[in-house]
Amino acid sequence: MSKGYWIGRVSISDSEAYKRYTEANAKAFADYGARFLVRAGPSELLEGDARERNVVIEFPTYQAALDCWHSADYQAARTLRKDASLIDLVVVEGYDGPQPGGG
């Protein structure tokens, strides 16, 4: 079964409210086995549009990634984020097929 990923691009307008969101989302993330792979580190825009913060969160399965977003705990946390930021968020299924160079 393939892993699932949240890929988010975020612009924060209220850092204190956004901090409350990050504290509140911890339970849902723990319950669904989330692991941060990228969490707002330095980035360089090479093409397209960007936001100030990028996040990639790995889940054990694609379904776990979807279930986390739909969970009551995450939706409660999400209400804290809605007025504090703009976000583009996509849930994607991981790829386990052939890689370039035969790897």
N, C-alpha and C. Protein backbone atom coordinates (compact mmCIF):
# COMPACT_ATOMS: atom_id res chain seq x y z
N MET A 1 0.84 -1.18 0.00
CA MET A 1 0.00 0.00 0.00
C MET A 1 0.89 1.25 0.00
N SER A 2 0.59 2.17 -0.86
CA SER A 2 1.39 3.39 -1.00
C SER A 2 1.14 4.37 0.14
N LYS A 3 2.18 5.11 0.47
CA LYS A 3 2.05 6.16 1.46
C LYS A 3 1.22 7.30 0.89
N GLY A 4 0.75 8.16 1.77
CA GLY A 4 0.03 9.36 1.37
C GLY A 4 0.77 10.58 1.86
N TYR A 5 0.59 11.68 1.15
CA TYR A 5 1.31 12.92 1.49
C TYR A 5 0.38 14.12 1.43
N TRP A 6 0.54 15.01 2.38
CA TRP A 6 -0.04 16.34 2.28
C TRP A 6 1.06 17.23 1.75
N ILE A 7 0.76 18.00 0.74
CA ILE A 7 1.69 19.00 0.23
C ILE A 7 0.99 20.35 0.36
N GLY A 8 1.55 21.20 1.18
CA GLY A 8 0.91 22.48 1.45
C GLY A 8 1.84 23.65 1.18
N ARG A 9 1.24 24.72 0.70
CA ARG A 9 1.93 26.00 0.53
C ARG A 9 1.12 27.02 1.32
N VAL A 10 1.78 27.75 2.20
CA VAL A 10 1.07 28.57 3.18
C VAL A 10 1.62 30.00 3.21
N SER A 11 0.71 30.96 3.29
CA SER A 11 1.05 32.35 3.60
C SER A 11 0.35 32.68 4.92
N ILE A 12 1.11 33.11 5.90
CA ILE A 12 0.58 33.36 7.24
C ILE A 12 0.34 34.86 7.43
N SER A 13 -0.86 35.19 7.88
CA SER A 13 -1.20 36.59 8.13
C SER A 13 -1.28 36.91 9.63
N ASP A 14 -1.44 35.88 10.46
CA ASP A 14 -1.52 36.07 11.91
C ASP A 14 -0.70 34.96 12.57
N SER A 15 0.54 35.27 12.92
CA SER A 15 1.45 34.24 13.41
C SER A 15 1.03 33.65 14.75
N GLU A 16 0.41 34.44 15.62
CA GLU A 16 -0.04 33.91 16.91
C GLU A 16 -1.19 32.92 16.72
N ALA A 17 -2.14 33.25 15.88
CA ALA A 17 -3.25 32.33 15.61
C ALA A 17 -2.74 31.07 14.90
N TYR A 18 -1.78 31.24 14.01
CA TYR A 18 -1.23 30.08 13.29
C TYR A 18 -0.48 29.17 14.26
N LYS A 19 0.17 29.75 15.24
CA LYS A 19 0.86 28.94 16.26
C LYS A 19 -0.15 28.10 17.03
N ARG A 20 -1.31 28.67 17.34
CA ARG A 20 -2.35 27.91 18.04
C ARG A 20 -2.83 26.74 17.16
N TYR A 21 -2.93 26.97 15.87
CA TYR A 21 -3.29 25.89 14.93
C TYR A 21 -2.25 24.77 14.96
N THR A 22 -0.96 25.11 14.92
CA THR A 22 0.06 24.06 14.89
C THR A 22 0.07 23.27 16.20
N GLU A 23 -0.27 23.92 17.31
CA GLU A 23 -0.38 23.19 18.57
C GLU A 23 -1.61 22.28 18.57
N ALA A 24 -2.70 22.76 17.99
CA ALA A 24 -3.96 22.01 18.00
C ALA A 24 -3.95 20.84 17.01
N ASN A 25 -3.16 20.92 15.94
CA ASN A 25 -3.20 19.84 14.95
C ASN A 25 -2.36 18.63 15.36
N ALA A 26 -1.57 18.75 16.41
CA ALA A 26 -0.65 17.68 16.81
C ALA A 26 -1.37 16.37 17.13
N LYS A 27 -2.52 16.41 17.76
CA LYS A 27 -3.23 15.18 18.11
C LYS A 27 -3.67 14.43 16.87
N ALA A 28 -4.27 15.13 15.92
CA ALA A 28 -4.71 14.46 14.69
C ALA A 28 -3.52 13.88 13.95
N PHE A 29 -2.44 14.63 13.85
CA PHE A 29 -1.26 14.12 13.15
C PHE A 29 -0.71 12.87 13.85
N ALA A 30 -0.66 12.87 15.16
CA ALA A 30 -0.17 11.70 15.89
C ALA A 30 -1.11 10.51 15.69
N ASP A 31 -2.39 10.76 15.75
CA ASP A 31 -3.38 9.68 15.60
C ASP A 31 -3.31 8.99 14.24
N TYR A 32 -2.90 9.73 13.21
CA TYR A 32 -2.88 9.17 11.85
C TYR A 32 -1.47 8.88 11.34
N GLY A 33 -0.49 8.91 12.23
CA GLY A 33 0.87 8.51 11.87
C GLY A 33 1.61 9.48 10.98
N ALA A 34 1.30 10.78 11.09
CA ALA A 34 1.95 11.79 10.26
C ALA A 34 3.40 11.98 10.65
N ARG A 35 4.20 12.30 9.63
CA ARG A 35 5.63 12.60 9.84
C ARG A 35 6.00 13.74 8.91
N PHE A 36 6.52 14.83 9.47
CA PHE A 36 6.93 15.98 8.66
C PHE A 36 8.21 15.65 7.90
N LEU A 37 8.17 15.83 6.59
CA LEU A 37 9.35 15.70 5.74
C LEU A 37 9.91 17.07 5.40
N VAL A 38 9.04 18.05 5.26
CA VAL A 38 9.41 19.45 4.99
C VAL A 38 8.52 20.29 5.89
N ARG A 39 9.16 21.22 6.60
CA ARG A 39 8.38 22.08 7.50
C ARG A 39 8.98 23.47 7.53
N ALA A 40 8.67 24.24 6.49
CA ALA A 40 8.98 25.66 6.44
C ALA A 40 10.45 26.01 6.40
N GLY A 41 11.30 25.15 5.89
CA GLY A 41 12.71 25.48 5.76
C GLY A 41 12.95 26.42 4.59
N PRO A 42 14.19 26.79 4.37
CA PRO A 42 14.52 27.66 3.23
C PRO A 42 14.06 27.02 1.92
N SER A 43 13.64 27.86 0.99
CA SER A 43 13.24 27.37 -0.32
C SER A 43 13.59 28.43 -1.36
N GLU A 44 13.65 27.99 -2.59
CA GLU A 44 13.94 28.90 -3.70
C GLU A 44 12.94 28.62 -4.82
N LEU A 45 12.21 29.64 -5.22
CA LEU A 45 11.24 29.51 -6.30
C LEU A 45 11.98 29.42 -7.63
N LEU A 46 11.75 28.35 -8.36
CA LEU A 46 12.38 28.18 -9.66
C LEU A 46 11.40 28.38 -10.80
N GLU A 47 10.13 28.08 -10.56
CA GLU A 47 9.08 28.31 -11.57
C GLU A 47 7.75 28.50 -10.86
N GLY A 48 6.83 29.19 -11.50
CA GLY A 48 5.47 29.31 -10.97
C GLY A 48 5.35 30.33 -9.86
N ASP A 49 4.35 30.10 -9.00
CA ASP A 49 4.04 30.99 -7.89
C ASP A 49 4.45 30.32 -6.58
N ALA A 50 4.68 31.10 -5.56
CA ALA A 50 5.10 30.54 -4.28
C ALA A 50 4.36 31.23 -3.14
N ARG A 51 4.35 30.56 -2.03
CA ARG A 51 3.93 31.13 -0.76
C ARG A 51 5.15 31.10 0.14
N GLU A 52 5.09 31.74 1.29
CA GLU A 52 6.28 31.88 2.15
C GLU A 52 6.67 30.59 2.87
N ARG A 53 5.75 29.65 3.00
CA ARG A 53 6.02 28.45 3.80
C ARG A 53 5.57 27.22 3.02
N ASN A 54 6.38 26.17 3.01
CA ASN A 54 6.05 24.92 2.34
C ASN A 54 6.11 23.78 3.34
N VAL A 55 5.18 22.84 3.20
CA VAL A 55 5.08 21.72 4.13
C VAL A 55 4.80 20.45 3.34
N VAL A 56 5.51 19.37 3.68
CA VAL A 56 5.22 18.04 3.14
C VAL A 56 5.11 17.11 4.35
N ILE A 57 3.96 16.47 4.48
CA ILE A 57 3.71 15.57 5.60
C ILE A 57 3.43 14.18 5.04
N GLU A 58 4.14 13.19 5.54
CA GLU A 58 3.99 11.81 5.10
C GLU A 58 3.07 11.05 6.06
N PHE A 59 2.19 10.24 5.48
CA PHE A 59 1.30 9.37 6.24
C PHE A 59 1.56 7.93 5.82
N PRO A 60 1.24 6.96 6.68
CA PRO A 60 1.51 5.57 6.34
C PRO A 60 0.78 5.08 5.10
N THR A 61 -0.39 5.67 4.82
CA THR A 61 -1.16 5.31 3.62
C THR A 61 -1.87 6.55 3.09
N TYR A 62 -2.28 6.46 1.83
CA TYR A 62 -3.07 7.54 1.22
C TYR A 62 -4.37 7.73 2.00
N GLN A 63 -5.01 6.62 2.38
CA GLN A 63 -6.27 6.71 3.11
C GLN A 63 -6.08 7.38 4.46
N ALA A 64 -4.97 7.11 5.15
CA ALA A 64 -4.70 7.76 6.43
C ALA A 64 -4.56 9.27 6.25
N ALA A 65 -3.95 9.69 5.13
CA ALA A 65 -3.81 11.12 4.85
C ALA A 65 -5.17 11.78 4.67
N LEU A 66 -6.06 11.10 3.95
CA LEU A 66 -7.41 11.63 3.76
C LEU A 66 -8.20 11.61 5.08
N ASP A 67 -8.10 10.50 5.80
CA ASP A 67 -8.84 10.36 7.05
C ASP A 67 -8.41 11.41 8.06
N CYS A 68 -7.13 11.74 8.11
CA CYS A 68 -6.64 12.76 9.02
C CYS A 68 -7.31 14.10 8.72
N TRP A 69 -7.33 14.48 7.44
CA TRP A 69 -7.94 15.76 7.08
C TRP A 69 -9.41 15.81 7.46
N HIS A 70 -10.11 14.70 7.28
CA HIS A 70 -11.55 14.65 7.56
C HIS A 70 -11.86 14.44 9.05
N SER A 71 -10.86 14.15 9.86
CA SER A 71 -11.11 13.86 11.28
C SER A 71 -11.64 15.08 12.03
N ALA A 72 -12.41 14.79 13.06
CA ALA A 72 -12.95 15.88 13.90
C ALA A 72 -11.83 16.68 14.54
N ASP A 73 -10.76 15.99 14.98
CA ASP A 73 -9.64 16.71 15.62
C ASP A 73 -8.96 17.67 14.65
N TYR A 74 -8.73 17.23 13.41
CA TYR A 74 -8.07 18.14 12.47
C TYR A 74 -9.01 19.28 12.07
N GLN A 75 -10.27 18.98 11.85
CA GLN A 75 -11.21 20.03 11.47
C GLN A 75 -11.33 21.10 12.55
N ALA A 76 -11.25 20.68 13.81
CA ALA A 76 -11.27 21.66 14.91
C ALA A 76 -10.02 22.53 14.86
N ALA A 77 -8.87 21.91 14.61
CA ALA A 77 -7.63 22.69 14.49
C ALA A 77 -7.70 23.62 13.28
N ARG A 78 -8.24 23.12 12.20
CA ARG A 78 -8.33 23.89 10.96
C ARG A 78 -9.08 25.21 11.14
N THR A 79 -10.09 25.23 12.01
CA THR A 79 -10.83 26.47 12.23
C THR A 79 -9.91 27.57 12.78
N LEU A 80 -8.86 27.17 13.51
CA LEU A 80 -7.90 28.15 14.03
C LEU A 80 -7.01 28.73 12.93
N ARG A 81 -6.83 27.96 11.87
CA ARG A 81 -5.95 28.37 10.77
C ARG A 81 -6.67 29.23 9.74
N LYS A 82 -7.95 29.04 9.58
CA LYS A 82 -8.69 29.65 8.47
C LYS A 82 -8.53 31.16 8.37
N ASP A 83 -8.58 31.87 9.48
CA ASP A 83 -8.44 33.33 9.45
C ASP A 83 -7.00 33.80 9.63
N ALA A 84 -6.08 32.85 9.84
CA ALA A 84 -4.69 33.21 10.11
C ALA A 84 -3.77 33.00 8.92
N SER A 85 -4.31 32.39 7.85
CA SER A 85 -3.43 32.06 6.73
C SER A 85 -4.23 31.76 5.47
N LEU A 86 -3.51 31.76 4.36
CA LEU A 86 -4.01 31.24 3.09
C LEU A 86 -3.21 29.99 2.80
N ILE A 87 -3.88 28.95 2.32
CA ILE A 87 -3.19 27.69 2.10
C ILE A 87 -3.68 27.01 0.83
N ASP A 88 -2.75 26.43 0.12
CA ASP A 88 -3.04 25.50 -0.97
C ASP A 88 -2.62 24.14 -0.43
N LEU A 89 -3.52 23.18 -0.41
CA LEU A 89 -3.21 21.88 0.15
C LEU A 89 -3.72 20.80 -0.77
N VAL A 90 -2.87 19.84 -1.07
CA VAL A 90 -3.25 18.70 -1.88
C VAL A 90 -2.82 17.43 -1.15
N VAL A 91 -3.65 16.40 -1.24
CA VAL A 91 -3.29 15.08 -0.72
C VAL A 91 -2.97 14.21 -1.93
N VAL A 92 -1.80 13.59 -1.91
CA VAL A 92 -1.39 12.76 -3.05
C VAL A 92 -0.95 11.39 -2.56
N GLU A 93 -1.12 10.42 -3.44
CA GLU A 93 -0.66 9.07 -3.16
C GLU A 93 0.79 8.93 -3.59
N GLY A 94 1.59 8.26 -2.78
CA GLY A 94 2.99 8.02 -3.09
C GLY A 94 3.14 7.12 -4.30
N TYR A 95 4.33 7.09 -4.86
CA TYR A 95 4.64 6.30 -6.06
C TYR A 95 5.68 5.26 -5.70
N ASP A 96 5.39 4.01 -6.01
CA ASP A 96 6.32 2.92 -5.71
C ASP A 96 6.84 2.23 -6.95
N GLY A 97 6.67 2.84 -8.12
CA GLY A 97 7.05 2.20 -9.38
C GLY A 97 8.51 2.42 -9.74
N PRO A 98 8.85 2.07 -10.99
CA PRO A 98 10.23 2.22 -11.47
C PRO A 98 10.71 3.66 -11.39
N GLN A 99 12.02 3.79 -11.18
CA GLN A 99 12.65 5.10 -11.09
C GLN A 99 13.63 5.28 -12.24
N PRO A 100 13.96 6.54 -12.57
CA PRO A 100 14.96 6.78 -13.60
C PRO A 100 16.27 6.07 -13.26
N GLY A 101 16.90 5.51 -14.24
CA GLY A 101 18.17 4.82 -14.02
C GLY A 101 17.98 3.41 -13.49
N GLY A 102 16.74 2.92 -13.49
CA GLY A 102 16.49 1.55 -13.09
C GLY A 102 16.43 1.31 -11.60
N GLY A 103 16.49 2.38 -10.77
CA GLY A 103 16.49 2.22 -9.31
C GLY A 103 15.13 2.12 -8.71
